[in-house]
Amino acid sequence: MDNEKVYQMPLAKVYPLLVNKALRKGRTQAEVDEIIRWLTGYTQEQLVELLEQPTSYGDFFRKAPALNPNRKKIKGSICGIKVEEIQESLMQEIRYLDKLIDELAKGKVMEKILRV
């Protein structure tokens, strides 16, 4: 799938996939939301509002109020690609979230996921 198709996907379509991945592994929607808020700087109210609007996944990241500077500490592979080596910044932000949700699903504790 090319990057532009990913960017145009509705946030309301991607979000349930992230939540379901966590739920299948015994984690919670609240933990997914906490990760999203930590990464992007959105409040819970803003997240809920964006999910009710026709927001694209790309715009969700482009308009993030405060991308967490500690996101640069996220290392490792997602889909066989090292997140720290992704050249396009928007795709890197998306893959950061993918990596964090993977860590959640693998049972990592929140303090380590959020690089506290």
PDB file of N, CA and C in Angstrom:
ATOM      1  N   MET A   1       0.856  -1.189   0.000  1.00  0.00           N
ATOM      2  CA  MET A   1       0.000   0.000   0.000  1.00  0.00           C
ATOM      3  C   MET A   1       0.891   1.238   0.000  1.00  0.00           C
ATOM      4  N   ASP A   2       0.634   2.155  -0.920  1.00  0.00           N
ATOM      5  CA  ASP A   2       1.467   3.346  -0.966  1.00  0.00           C
ATOM      6  C   ASP A   2       1.077   4.316   0.150  1.00  0.00           C
ATOM      7  N   ASN A   3       2.005   5.206   0.455  1.00  0.00           N
ATOM      8  CA  ASN A   3       1.830   6.122   1.584  1.00  0.00           C
ATOM      9  C   ASN A   3       0.572   6.969   1.474  1.00  0.00           C
ATOM     10  N   GLU A   4       0.276   7.450   0.279  1.00  0.00           N
ATOM     11  CA  GLU A   4      -0.877   8.343   0.118  1.00  0.00           C
ATOM     12  C   GLU A   4      -2.178   7.638   0.484  1.00  0.00           C
ATOM     13  N   LYS A   5      -2.288   6.361   0.170  1.00  0.00           N
ATOM     14  CA  LYS A   5      -3.486   5.604   0.547  1.00  0.00           C
ATOM     15  C   LYS A   5      -3.603   5.514   2.063  1.00  0.00           C
ATOM     16  N   VAL A   6      -2.484   5.326   2.739  1.00  0.00           N
ATOM     17  CA  VAL A   6      -2.483   5.268   4.205  1.00  0.00           C
ATOM     18  C   VAL A   6      -2.911   6.616   4.765  1.00  0.00           C
ATOM     19  N   TYR A   7      -2.379   7.694   4.228  1.00  0.00           N
ATOM     20  CA  TYR A   7      -2.690   9.038   4.728  1.00  0.00           C
ATOM     21  C   TYR A   7      -4.169   9.390   4.551  1.00  0.00           C
ATOM     22  N   GLN A   8      -4.792   8.851   3.495  1.00  0.00           N
ATOM     23  CA  GLN A   8      -6.190   9.176   3.197  1.00  0.00           C
ATOM     24  C   GLN A   8      -7.190   8.298   3.955  1.00  0.00           C
ATOM     25  N   MET A   9      -6.704   7.232   4.590  1.00  0.00           N
ATOM     26  CA  MET A   9      -7.612   6.356   5.332  1.00  0.00           C
ATOM     27  C   MET A   9      -8.293   7.141   6.450  1.00  0.00           C
ATOM     28  N   PRO A  10      -9.577   6.897   6.670  1.00  0.00           N
ATOM     29  CA  PRO A  10     -10.273   7.594   7.752  1.00  0.00           C
ATOM     30  C   PRO A  10      -9.745   7.141   9.122  1.00  0.00           C
ATOM     31  N   LEU A  11      -9.503   8.100   9.986  1.00  0.00           N
ATOM     32  CA  LEU A  11      -9.082   7.784  11.353  1.00  0.00           C
ATOM     33  C   LEU A  11     -10.094   6.847  12.010  1.00  0.00           C
ATOM     34  N   ALA A  12     -11.371   7.076  11.761  1.00  0.00           N
ATOM     35  CA  ALA A  12     -12.422   6.253  12.361  1.00  0.00           C
ATOM     36  C   ALA A  12     -12.360   4.800  11.895  1.00  0.00           C
ATOM     37  N   LYS A  13     -11.662   4.524  10.812  1.00  0.00           N
ATOM     38  CA  LYS A  13     -11.477   3.148  10.341  1.00  0.00           C
ATOM     39  C   LYS A  13     -10.222   2.528  10.955  1.00  0.00           C
ATOM     40  N   VAL A  14      -9.181   3.320  11.149  1.00  0.00           N
ATOM     41  CA  VAL A  14      -7.907   2.817  11.675  1.00  0.00           C
ATOM     42  C   VAL A  14      -7.982   2.602  13.186  1.00  0.00           C
ATOM     43  N   TYR A  15      -8.604   3.532  13.876  1.00  0.00           N
ATOM     44  CA  TYR A  15      -8.659   3.477  15.343  1.00  0.00           C
ATOM     45  C   TYR A  15      -9.195   2.147  15.882  1.00  0.00           C
ATOM     46  N   PRO A  16     -10.327   1.632  15.368  1.00  0.00           N
ATOM     47  CA  PRO A  16     -10.818   0.347  15.888  1.00  0.00           C
ATOM     48  C   PRO A  16      -9.829  -0.802  15.664  1.00  0.00           C
ATOM     49  N   LEU A  17      -9.055  -0.735  14.601  1.00  0.00           N
ATOM     50  CA  LEU A  17      -8.050  -1.767  14.357  1.00  0.00           C
ATOM     51  C   LEU A  17      -6.976  -1.734  15.443  1.00  0.00           C
ATOM     52  N   LEU A  18      -6.564  -0.525  15.830  1.00  0.00           N
ATOM     53  CA  LEU A  18      -5.575  -0.383  16.895  1.00  0.00           C
ATOM     54  C   LEU A  18      -6.127  -0.901  18.220  1.00  0.00           C
ATOM     55  N   VAL A  19      -7.358  -0.522  18.512  1.00  0.00           N
ATOM     56  CA  VAL A  19      -7.997  -0.952  19.760  1.00  0.00           C
ATOM     57  C   VAL A  19      -8.175  -2.467  19.776  1.00  0.00           C
ATOM     58  N   ASN A  20      -8.657  -3.036  18.681  1.00  0.00           N
ATOM     59  CA  ASN A  20      -8.888  -4.478  18.625  1.00  0.00           C
ATOM     60  C   ASN A  20      -7.600  -5.273  18.791  1.00  0.00           C
ATOM     61  N   LYS A  21      -6.510  -4.767  18.244  1.00  0.00           N
ATOM     62  CA  LYS A  21      -5.219  -5.444  18.412  1.00  0.00           C
ATOM     63  C   LYS A  21      -4.855  -5.518  19.893  1.00  0.00           C
ATOM     64  N   ALA A  22      -5.082  -4.434  20.609  1.00  0.00           N
ATOM     65  CA  ALA A  22      -4.786  -4.397  22.043  1.00  0.00           C
ATOM     66  C   ALA A  22      -5.754  -5.299  22.819  1.00  0.00           C
ATOM     67  N   LEU A  23      -7.032  -5.215  22.499  1.00  0.00           N
ATOM     68  CA  LEU A  23      -8.038  -6.005  23.217  1.00  0.00           C
ATOM     69  C   LEU A  23      -7.803  -7.506  23.065  1.00  0.00           C
ATOM     70  N   ARG A  24      -7.392  -7.937  21.875  1.00  0.00           N
ATOM     71  CA  ARG A  24      -7.124  -9.363  21.640  1.00  0.00           C
ATOM     72  C   ARG A  24      -6.020  -9.890  22.552  1.00  0.00           C
ATOM     73  N   LYS A  25      -5.151  -8.989  22.990  1.00  0.00           N
ATOM     74  CA  LYS A  25      -4.018  -9.388  23.840  1.00  0.00           C
ATOM     75  C   LYS A  25      -4.252  -9.041  25.307  1.00  0.00           C
ATOM     76  N   GLY A  26      -5.508  -8.742  25.657  1.00  0.00           N
ATOM     77  CA  GLY A  26      -5.838  -8.496  27.049  1.00  0.00           C
ATOM     78  C   GLY A  26      -5.548  -7.085  27.542  1.00  0.00           C
ATOM     79  N   ARG A  27      -5.305  -6.167  26.625  1.00  0.00           N
ATOM     80  CA  ARG A  27      -5.077  -4.782  27.006  1.00  0.00           C
ATOM     81  C   ARG A  27      -6.374  -4.008  26.828  1.00  0.00           C
ATOM     82  N   THR A  28      -6.362  -2.700  27.092  1.00  0.00           N
ATOM     83  CA  THR A  28      -7.607  -1.939  27.095  1.00  0.00           C
ATOM     84  C   THR A  28      -7.603  -0.793  26.082  1.00  0.00           C
ATOM     85  N   GLN A  29      -8.811  -0.341  25.759  1.00  0.00           N
ATOM     86  CA  GLN A  29      -8.962   0.836  24.911  1.00  0.00           C
ATOM     87  C   GLN A  29      -8.371   2.056  25.602  1.00  0.00           C
ATOM     88  N   ALA A  30      -8.521   2.134  26.915  1.00  0.00           N
ATOM     89  CA  ALA A  30      -7.960   3.263  27.670  1.00  0.00           C
ATOM     90  C   ALA A  30      -6.442   3.334  27.505  1.00  0.00           C
ATOM     91  N   GLU A  31      -5.786   2.181  27.443  1.00  0.00           N
ATOM     92  CA  GLU A  31      -4.327   2.180  27.237  1.00  0.00           C
ATOM     93  C   GLU A  31      -3.977   2.655  25.835  1.00  0.00           C
ATOM     94  N   VAL A  32      -4.756   2.243  24.850  1.00  0.00           N
ATOM     95  CA  VAL A  32      -4.539   2.715  23.475  1.00  0.00           C
ATOM     96  C   VAL A  32      -4.698   4.228  23.428  1.00  0.00           C
ATOM     97  N   ASP A  33      -5.757   4.732  24.043  1.00  0.00           N
ATOM     98  CA  ASP A  33      -5.996   6.176  24.069  1.00  0.00           C
ATOM     99  C   ASP A  33      -4.859   6.912  24.766  1.00  0.00           C
ATOM    100  N   GLU A  34      -4.359   6.351  25.850  1.00  0.00           N
ATOM    101  CA  GLU A  34      -3.244   6.980  26.566  1.00  0.00           C
ATOM    102  C   GLU A  34      -2.007   7.079  25.676  1.00  0.00           C
ATOM    103  N   ILE A  35      -1.739   6.018  24.936  1.00  0.00           N
ATOM    104  CA  ILE A  35      -0.597   6.020  24.010  1.00  0.00           C
ATOM    105  C   ILE A  35      -0.800   7.088  22.934  1.00  0.00           C
ATOM    106  N   ILE A  36      -1.980   7.147  22.369  1.00  0.00           N
ATOM    107  CA  ILE A  36      -2.267   8.142  21.322  1.00  0.00           C
ATOM    108  C   ILE A  36      -2.109   9.555  21.875  1.00  0.00           C
ATOM    109  N   ARG A  37      -2.645   9.798  23.057  1.00  0.00           N
ATOM    110  CA  ARG A  37      -2.535  11.136  23.666  1.00  0.00           C
ATOM    111  C   ARG A  37      -1.073  11.470  23.946  1.00  0.00           C
ATOM    112  N   TRP A  38      -0.317  10.518  24.460  1.00  0.00           N
ATOM    113  CA  TRP A  38       1.110  10.737  24.756  1.00  0.00           C
ATOM    114  C   TRP A  38       1.860  11.096  23.477  1.00  0.00           C
ATOM    115  N   LEU A  39       1.598  10.358  22.412  1.00  0.00           N
ATOM    116  CA  LEU A  39       2.326  10.552  21.161  1.00  0.00           C
ATOM    117  C   LEU A  39       1.962  11.858  20.465  1.00  0.00           C
ATOM    118  N   THR A  40       0.681  12.210  20.463  1.00  0.00           N
ATOM    119  CA  THR A  40       0.206  13.315  19.625  1.00  0.00           C
ATOM    120  C   THR A  40      -0.091  14.621  20.350  1.00  0.00           C
ATOM    121  N   GLY A  41      -0.361  14.538  21.648  1.00  0.00           N
ATOM    122  CA  GLY A  41      -0.720  15.736  22.391  1.00  0.00           C
ATOM    123  C   GLY A  41      -2.197  16.064  22.371  1.00  0.00           C
ATOM    124  N   TYR A  42      -3.013  15.241  21.706  1.00  0.00           N
ATOM    125  CA  TYR A  42      -4.459  15.450  21.746  1.00  0.00           C
ATOM    126  C   TYR A  42      -4.980  15.137  23.142  1.00  0.00           C
ATOM    127  N   THR A  43      -6.044  15.825  23.543  1.00  0.00           N
ATOM    128  CA  THR A  43      -6.747  15.465  24.773  1.00  0.00           C
ATOM    129  C   THR A  43      -7.724  14.334  24.435  1.00  0.00           C
ATOM    130  N   GLN A  44      -8.269  13.703  25.457  1.00  0.00           N
ATOM    131  CA  GLN A  44      -9.262  12.646  25.218  1.00  0.00           C
ATOM    132  C   GLN A  44     -10.476  13.213  24.496  1.00  0.00           C
ATOM    133  N   GLU A  45     -10.883  14.404  24.883  1.00  0.00           N
ATOM    134  CA  GLU A  45     -12.042  15.034  24.241  1.00  0.00           C
ATOM    135  C   GLU A  45     -11.774  15.308  22.765  1.00  0.00           C
ATOM    136  N   GLN A  46     -10.576  15.785  22.453  1.00  0.00           N
ATOM    137  CA  GLN A  46     -10.222  16.042  21.058  1.00  0.00           C
ATOM    138  C   GLN A  46     -10.194  14.741  20.259  1.00  0.00           C
ATOM    139  N   LEU A  47      -9.656  13.686  20.863  1.00  0.00           N
ATOM    140  CA  LEU A  47      -9.605  12.391  20.187  1.00  0.00           C
ATOM    141  C   LEU A  47     -11.013  11.901  19.860  1.00  0.00           C
ATOM    142  N   VAL A  48     -11.894  11.952  20.818  1.00  0.00           N
ATOM    143  CA  VAL A  48     -13.271  11.519  20.598  1.00  0.00           C
ATOM    144  C   VAL A  48     -13.922  12.352  19.489  1.00  0.00           C
ATOM    145  N   GLU A  49     -13.709  13.655  19.536  1.00  0.00           N
ATOM    146  CA  GLU A  49     -14.273  14.553  18.521  1.00  0.00           C
ATOM    147  C   GLU A  49     -13.743  14.216  17.129  1.00  0.00           C
ATOM    148  N   LEU A  50     -12.446  13.968  17.014  1.00  0.00           N
ATOM    149  CA  LEU A  50     -11.853  13.634  15.720  1.00  0.00           C
ATOM    150  C   LEU A  50     -12.384  12.317  15.172  1.00  0.00           C
ATOM    151  N   LEU A  51     -12.675  11.383  16.067  1.00  0.00           N
ATOM    152  CA  LEU A  51     -13.220  10.098  15.636  1.00  0.00           C
ATOM    153  C   LEU A  51     -14.639  10.234  15.097  1.00  0.00           C
ATOM    154  N   GLU A  52     -15.329  11.279  15.503  1.00  0.00           N
ATOM    155  CA  GLU A  52     -16.698  11.524  15.046  1.00  0.00           C
ATOM    156  C   GLU A  52     -16.738  12.337  13.757  1.00  0.00           C
ATOM    157  N   GLN A  53     -15.605  12.897  13.367  1.00  0.00           N
ATOM    158  CA  GLN A  53     -15.519  13.713  12.155  1.00  0.00           C
ATOM    159  C   GLN A  53     -14.861  12.902  11.043  1.00  0.00           C
ATOM    160  N   PRO A  54     -14.971  13.364   9.810  1.00  0.00           N
ATOM    161  CA  PRO A  54     -14.293  12.667   8.707  1.00  0.00           C
ATOM    162  C   PRO A  54     -12.806  13.066   8.630  1.00  0.00           C
ATOM    163  N   THR A  55     -12.046  12.670   9.625  1.00  0.00           N
ATOM    164  CA  THR A  55     -10.626  13.019   9.710  1.00  0.00           C
ATOM    165  C   THR A  55      -9.782  11.935   9.051  1.00  0.00           C
ATOM    166  N   SER A  56      -8.867  12.341   8.181  1.00  0.00           N
ATOM    167  CA  SER A  56      -7.968  11.359   7.572  1.00  0.00           C
ATOM    168  C   SER A  56      -6.842  11.037   8.561  1.00  0.00           C
ATOM    169  N   TYR A  57      -6.274   9.858   8.397  1.00  0.00           N
ATOM    170  CA  TYR A  57      -5.182   9.433   9.276  1.00  0.00           C
ATOM    171  C   TYR A  57      -3.987  10.378   9.128  1.00  0.00           C
ATOM    172  N   GLY A  58      -3.719  10.810   7.911  1.00  0.00           N
ATOM    173  CA  GLY A  58      -2.630  11.756   7.677  1.00  0.00           C
ATOM    174  C   GLY A  58      -2.868  13.080   8.379  1.00  0.00           C
ATOM    175  N   ASP A  59      -4.081  13.622   8.245  1.00  0.00           N
ATOM    176  CA  ASP A  59      -4.400  14.895   8.901  1.00  0.00           C
ATOM    177  C   ASP A  59      -4.358  14.772  10.419  1.00  0.00           C
ATOM    178  N   PHE A  60      -4.734  13.619  10.939  1.00  0.00           N
ATOM    179  CA  PHE A  60      -4.671  13.389  12.381  1.00  0.00           C
ATOM    180  C   PHE A  60      -3.252  13.647  12.895  1.00  0.00           C
ATOM    181  N   PHE A  61      -2.265  13.173  12.161  1.00  0.00           N
ATOM    182  CA  PHE A  61      -0.877  13.392  12.566  1.00  0.00           C
ATOM    183  C   PHE A  61      -0.370  14.773  12.165  1.00  0.00           C
ATOM    184  N   ARG A  62      -0.748  15.246  10.995  1.00  0.00           N
ATOM    185  CA  ARG A  62      -0.305  16.577  10.551  1.00  0.00           C
ATOM    186  C   ARG A  62      -0.754  17.670  11.506  1.00  0.00           C
ATOM    187  N   LYS A  63      -1.959  17.516  12.067  1.00  0.00           N
ATOM    188  CA  LYS A  63      -2.534  18.546  12.932  1.00  0.00           C
ATOM    189  C   LYS A  63      -2.361  18.249  14.418  1.00  0.00           C
ATOM    190  N   ALA A  64      -1.555  17.245  14.738  1.00  0.00           N
ATOM    191  CA  ALA A  64      -1.346  16.895  16.149  1.00  0.00           C
ATOM    192  C   ALA A  64      -0.832  18.115  16.908  1.00  0.00           C
ATOM    193  N   PRO A  65      -1.445  18.422  18.051  1.00  0.00           N
ATOM    194  CA  PRO A  65      -1.092  19.649  18.774  1.00  0.00           C
ATOM    195  C   PRO A  65       0.315  19.660  19.367  1.00  0.00           C
ATOM    196  N   ALA A  66       0.821  18.501  19.771  1.00  0.00           N
ATOM    197  CA  ALA A  66       2.131  18.496  20.447  1.00  0.00           C
ATOM    198  C   ALA A  66       2.743  17.110  20.353  1.00  0.00           C
ATOM    199  N   LEU A  67       3.400  16.833  19.227  1.00  0.00           N
ATOM    200  CA  LEU A  67       4.071  15.546  19.103  1.00  0.00           C
ATOM    201  C   LEU A  67       5.121  15.427  20.205  1.00  0.00           C
ATOM    202  N   ASN A  68       5.104  14.319  20.912  1.00  0.00           N
ATOM    203  CA  ASN A  68       5.982  14.135  22.061  1.00  0.00           C
ATOM    204  C   ASN A  68       7.442  14.036  21.605  1.00  0.00           C
ATOM    205  N   PRO A  69       8.324  14.867  22.167  1.00  0.00           N
ATOM    206  CA  PRO A  69       9.728  14.800  21.756  1.00  0.00           C
ATOM    207  C   PRO A  69      10.375  13.452  22.081  1.00  0.00           C
ATOM    208  N   ASN A  70       9.852  12.735  23.064  1.00  0.00           N
ATOM    209  CA  ASN A  70      10.408  11.429  23.415  1.00  0.00           C
ATOM    210  C   ASN A  70      10.065  10.346  22.403  1.00  0.00           C
ATOM    211  N   ARG A  71       9.237  10.673  21.410  1.00  0.00           N
ATOM    212  CA  ARG A  71       8.907   9.684  20.385  1.00  0.00           C
ATOM    213  C   ARG A  71      10.149   9.287  19.603  1.00  0.00           C
ATOM    214  N   LYS A  72      11.142  10.146  19.583  1.00  0.00           N
ATOM    215  CA  LYS A  72      12.384   9.838  18.860  1.00  0.00           C
ATOM    216  C   LYS A  72      13.163   8.716  19.545  1.00  0.00           C
ATOM    217  N   LYS A  73      12.777   8.368  20.775  1.00  0.00           N
ATOM    218  CA  LYS A  73      13.414   7.255  21.487  1.00  0.00           C
ATOM    219  C   LYS A  73      12.838   5.906  21.056  1.00  0.00           C
ATOM    220  N   ILE A  74      11.784   5.936  20.248  1.00  0.00           N
ATOM    221  CA  ILE A  74      11.153   4.701  19.793  1.00  0.00           C
ATOM    222  C   ILE A  74      12.045   4.086  18.722  1.00  0.00           C
ATOM    223  N   LYS A  75      12.477   2.870  18.976  1.00  0.00           N
ATOM    224  CA  LYS A  75      13.371   2.153  18.051  1.00  0.00           C
ATOM    225  C   LYS A  75      12.768   0.789  17.766  1.00  0.00           C
ATOM    226  N   GLY A  76      13.232   0.182  16.723  1.00  0.00           N
ATOM    227  CA  GLY A  76      12.795  -1.169  16.400  1.00  0.00           C
ATOM    228  C   GLY A  76      12.090  -1.233  15.068  1.00  0.00           C
ATOM    229  N   SER A  77      11.680  -2.446  14.722  1.00  0.00           N
ATOM    230  CA  SER A  77      11.079  -2.684  13.410  1.00  0.00           C
ATOM    231  C   SER A  77       9.572  -2.824  13.490  1.00  0.00           C
ATOM    232  N   ILE A  78       8.934  -2.329  12.459  1.00  0.00           N
ATOM    233  CA  ILE A  78       7.506  -2.528  12.257  1.00  0.00           C
ATOM    234  C   ILE A  78       7.350  -2.862  10.773  1.00  0.00           C
ATOM    235  N   CYS A  79       6.709  -3.967  10.494  1.00  0.00           N
ATOM    236  CA  CYS A  79       6.572  -4.450   9.106  1.00  0.00           C
ATOM    237  C   CYS A  79       7.944  -4.614   8.441  1.00  0.00           C
ATOM    238  N   GLY A  80       8.930  -5.011   9.219  1.00  0.00           N
ATOM    239  CA  GLY A  80      10.265  -5.261   8.690  1.00  0.00           C
ATOM    240  C   GLY A  80      11.093  -4.012   8.414  1.00  0.00           C
ATOM    241  N   ILE A  81      10.615  -2.862   8.819  1.00  0.00           N
ATOM    242  CA  ILE A  81      11.322  -1.602   8.576  1.00  0.00           C
ATOM    243  C   ILE A  81      11.617  -0.945   9.916  1.00  0.00           C
ATOM    244  N   LYS A  82      12.857  -0.516  10.108  1.00  0.00           N
ATOM    245  CA  LYS A  82      13.220   0.168  11.344  1.00  0.00           C
ATOM    246  C   LYS A  82      12.582   1.555  11.359  1.00  0.00           C
ATOM    247  N   VAL A  83      11.801   1.841  12.423  1.00  0.00           N
ATOM    248  CA  VAL A  83      11.077   3.111  12.471  1.00  0.00           C
ATOM    249  C   VAL A  83      12.022   4.303  12.475  1.00  0.00           C
ATOM    250  N   GLU A  84      13.189   4.132  13.082  1.00  0.00           N
ATOM    251  CA  GLU A  84      14.123   5.253  13.151  1.00  0.00           C
ATOM    252  C   GLU A  84      14.770   5.563  11.803  1.00  0.00           C
ATOM    253  N   GLU A  85      14.625   4.681  10.826  1.00  0.00           N
ATOM    254  CA  GLU A  85      15.221   4.885   9.504  1.00  0.00           C
ATOM    255  C   GLU A  85      14.220   5.335   8.445  1.00  0.00           C
ATOM    256  N   ILE A  86      12.960   5.471   8.804  1.00  0.00           N
ATOM    257  CA  ILE A  86      11.939   5.909   7.837  1.00  0.00           C
ATOM    258  C   ILE A  86      12.205   7.372   7.485  1.00  0.00           C
ATOM    259  N   GLN A  87      12.353   7.646   6.203  1.00  0.00           N
ATOM    260  CA  GLN A  87      12.736   8.980   5.745  1.00  0.00           C
ATOM    261  C   GLN A  87      11.581   9.979   5.745  1.00  0.00           C
ATOM    262  N   GLU A  88      10.398   9.535   5.361  1.00  0.00           N
ATOM    263  CA  GLU A  88       9.276  10.464   5.294  1.00  0.00           C
ATOM    264  C   GLU A  88       8.705  10.663   6.694  1.00  0.00           C
ATOM    265  N   SER A  89       8.687  11.912   7.145  1.00  0.00           N
ATOM    266  CA  SER A  89       8.326  12.192   8.542  1.00  0.00           C
ATOM    267  C   SER A  89       6.901  11.782   8.891  1.00  0.00           C
ATOM    268  N   LEU A  90       5.942  11.995   8.007  1.00  0.00           N
ATOM    269  CA  LEU A  90       4.555  11.636   8.313  1.00  0.00           C
ATOM    270  C   LEU A  90       4.412  10.118   8.471  1.00  0.00           C
ATOM    271  N   MET A  91       5.021   9.368   7.590  1.00  0.00           N
ATOM    272  CA  MET A  91       4.957   7.914   7.701  1.00  0.00           C
ATOM    273  C   MET A  91       5.687   7.453   8.968  1.00  0.00           C
ATOM    274  N   GLN A  92       6.745   8.133   9.333  1.00  0.00           N
ATOM    275  CA  GLN A  92       7.453   7.778  10.554  1.00  0.00           C
ATOM    276  C   GLN A  92       6.553   7.975  11.778  1.00  0.00           C
ATOM    277  N   GLU A  93       5.797   9.064  11.809  1.00  0.00           N
ATOM    278  CA  GLU A  93       4.874   9.306  12.927  1.00  0.00           C
ATOM    279  C   GLU A  93       3.830   8.189  13.012  1.00  0.00           C
ATOM    280  N   ILE A  94       3.298   7.787  11.873  1.00  0.00           N
ATOM    281  CA  ILE A  94       2.305   6.710  11.832  1.00  0.00           C
ATOM    282  C   ILE A  94       2.922   5.413  12.332  1.00  0.00           C
ATOM    283  N   ARG A  95       4.126   5.134  11.902  1.00  0.00           N
ATOM    284  CA  ARG A  95       4.801   3.896  12.320  1.00  0.00           C
ATOM    285  C   ARG A  95       5.200   3.924  13.789  1.00  0.00           C
ATOM    286  N   TYR A  96       5.465   5.115  14.326  1.00  0.00           N
ATOM    287  CA  TYR A  96       5.701   5.206  15.769  1.00  0.00           C
ATOM    288  C   TYR A  96       4.484   4.678  16.523  1.00  0.00           C
ATOM    289  N   LEU A  97       3.297   5.108  16.113  1.00  0.00           N
ATOM    290  CA  LEU A  97       2.086   4.647  16.783  1.00  0.00           C
ATOM    291  C   LEU A  97       1.925   3.141  16.607  1.00  0.00           C
ATOM    292  N   ASP A  98       2.168   2.640  15.407  1.00  0.00           N
ATOM    293  CA  ASP A  98       2.096   1.191  15.178  1.00  0.00           C
ATOM    294  C   ASP A  98       3.027   0.443  16.126  1.00  0.00           C
ATOM    295  N   LYS A  99       4.233   0.946  16.271  1.00  0.00           N
ATOM    296  CA  LYS A  99       5.230   0.303  17.133  1.00  0.00           C
ATOM    297  C   LYS A  99       4.767   0.316  18.590  1.00  0.00           C
ATOM    298  N   LEU A 100       4.230   1.434  19.042  1.00  0.00           N
ATOM    299  CA  LEU A 100       3.777   1.524  20.429  1.00  0.00           C
ATOM    300  C   LEU A 100       2.618   0.563  20.688  1.00  0.00           C
ATOM    301  N   ILE A 101       1.701   0.445  19.743  1.00  0.00           N
ATOM    302  CA  ILE A 101       0.578  -0.476  19.903  1.00  0.00           C
ATOM    303  C   ILE A 101       1.084  -1.922  19.878  1.00  0.00           C
ATOM    304  N   ASP A 102       2.076  -2.208  19.058  1.00  0.00           N
ATOM    305  CA  ASP A 102       2.692  -3.540  19.073  1.00  0.00           C
ATOM    306  C   ASP A 102       3.296  -3.850  20.439  1.00  0.00           C
ATOM    307  N   GLU A 103       3.994  -2.879  20.999  1.00  0.00           N
ATOM    308  CA  GLU A 103       4.593  -3.074  22.321  1.00  0.00           C
ATOM    309  C   GLU A 103       3.516  -3.332  23.365  1.00  0.00           C
ATOM    310  N   LEU A 104       2.413  -2.601  23.286  1.00  0.00           N
ATOM    311  CA  LEU A 104       1.295  -2.801  24.200  1.00  0.00           C
ATOM    312  C   LEU A 104       0.755  -4.224  24.059  1.00  0.00           C
ATOM    313  N   ALA A 105       0.529  -4.640  22.821  1.00  0.00           N
ATOM    314  CA  ALA A 105      -0.018  -5.971  22.561  1.00  0.00           C
ATOM    315  C   ALA A 105       0.931  -7.079  23.020  1.00  0.00           C
ATOM    316  N   LYS A 106       2.217  -6.798  23.041  1.00  0.00           N
ATOM    317  CA  LYS A 106       3.194  -7.800  23.478  1.00  0.00           C
ATOM    318  C   LYS A 106       3.367  -7.830  24.990  1.00  0.00           C
ATOM    319  N   GLY A 107       2.594  -6.999  25.695  1.00  0.00           N
ATOM    320  CA  GLY A 107       2.608  -7.057  27.145  1.00  0.00           C
ATOM    321  C   GLY A 107       3.571  -6.126  27.851  1.00  0.00           C
ATOM    322  N   LYS A 108       4.184  -5.234  27.121  1.00  0.00           N
ATOM    323  CA  LYS A 108       5.114  -4.291  27.738  1.00  0.00           C
ATOM    324  C   LYS A 108       4.363  -3.365  28.699  1.00  0.00           C
ATOM    325  N   VAL A 109       5.002  -2.975  29.787  1.00  0.00           N
ATOM    326  CA  VAL A 109       4.343  -2.091  30.753  1.00  0.00           C
ATOM    327  C   VAL A 109       4.297  -0.671  30.192  1.00  0.00           C
ATOM    328  N   MET A 110       3.260   0.064  30.584  1.00  0.00           N
ATOM    329  CA  MET A 110       3.030   1.405  30.044  1.00  0.00           C
ATOM    330  C   MET A 110       4.216   2.339  30.266  1.00  0.00           C
ATOM    331  N   GLU A 111       4.866   2.261  31.398  1.00  0.00           N
ATOM    332  CA  GLU A 111       5.999   3.160  31.667  1.00  0.00           C
ATOM    333  C   GLU A 111       7.092   2.993  30.610  1.00  0.00           C
ATOM    334  N   LYS A 112       7.319   1.754  30.174  1.00  0.00           N
ATOM    335  CA  LYS A 112       8.341   1.516  29.150  1.00  0.00           C
ATOM    336  C   LYS A 112       7.848   1.931  27.767  1.00  0.00           C
ATOM    337  N   ILE A 113       6.563   1.682  27.509  1.00  0.00           N
ATOM    338  CA  ILE A 113       5.995   2.071  26.211  1.00  0.00           C
ATOM    339  C   ILE A 113       6.088   3.586  26.045  1.00  0.00           C
ATOM    340  N   LEU A 114       5.780   4.317  27.112  1.00  0.00           N
ATOM    341  CA  LEU A 114       5.759   5.779  27.045  1.00  0.00           C
ATOM    342  C   LEU A 114       7.125   6.407  27.315  1.00  0.00           C
ATOM    343  N   ARG A 115       8.135   5.567  27.363  1.00  0.00           N
ATOM    344  CA  ARG A 115       9.523   6.037  27.533  1.00  0.00           C
ATOM    345  C   ARG A 115       9.654   6.978  28.728  1.00  0.00           C
ATOM    346  N   VAL A 116       9.048   6.567  29.855  1.00  0.00           N
ATOM    347  CA  VAL A 116       9.099   7.373  31.091  1.00  0.00           C
ATOM    348  C   VAL A 116      10.386   7.061  31.831  1.00  0.00           C
TER     349      VAL A 116
END
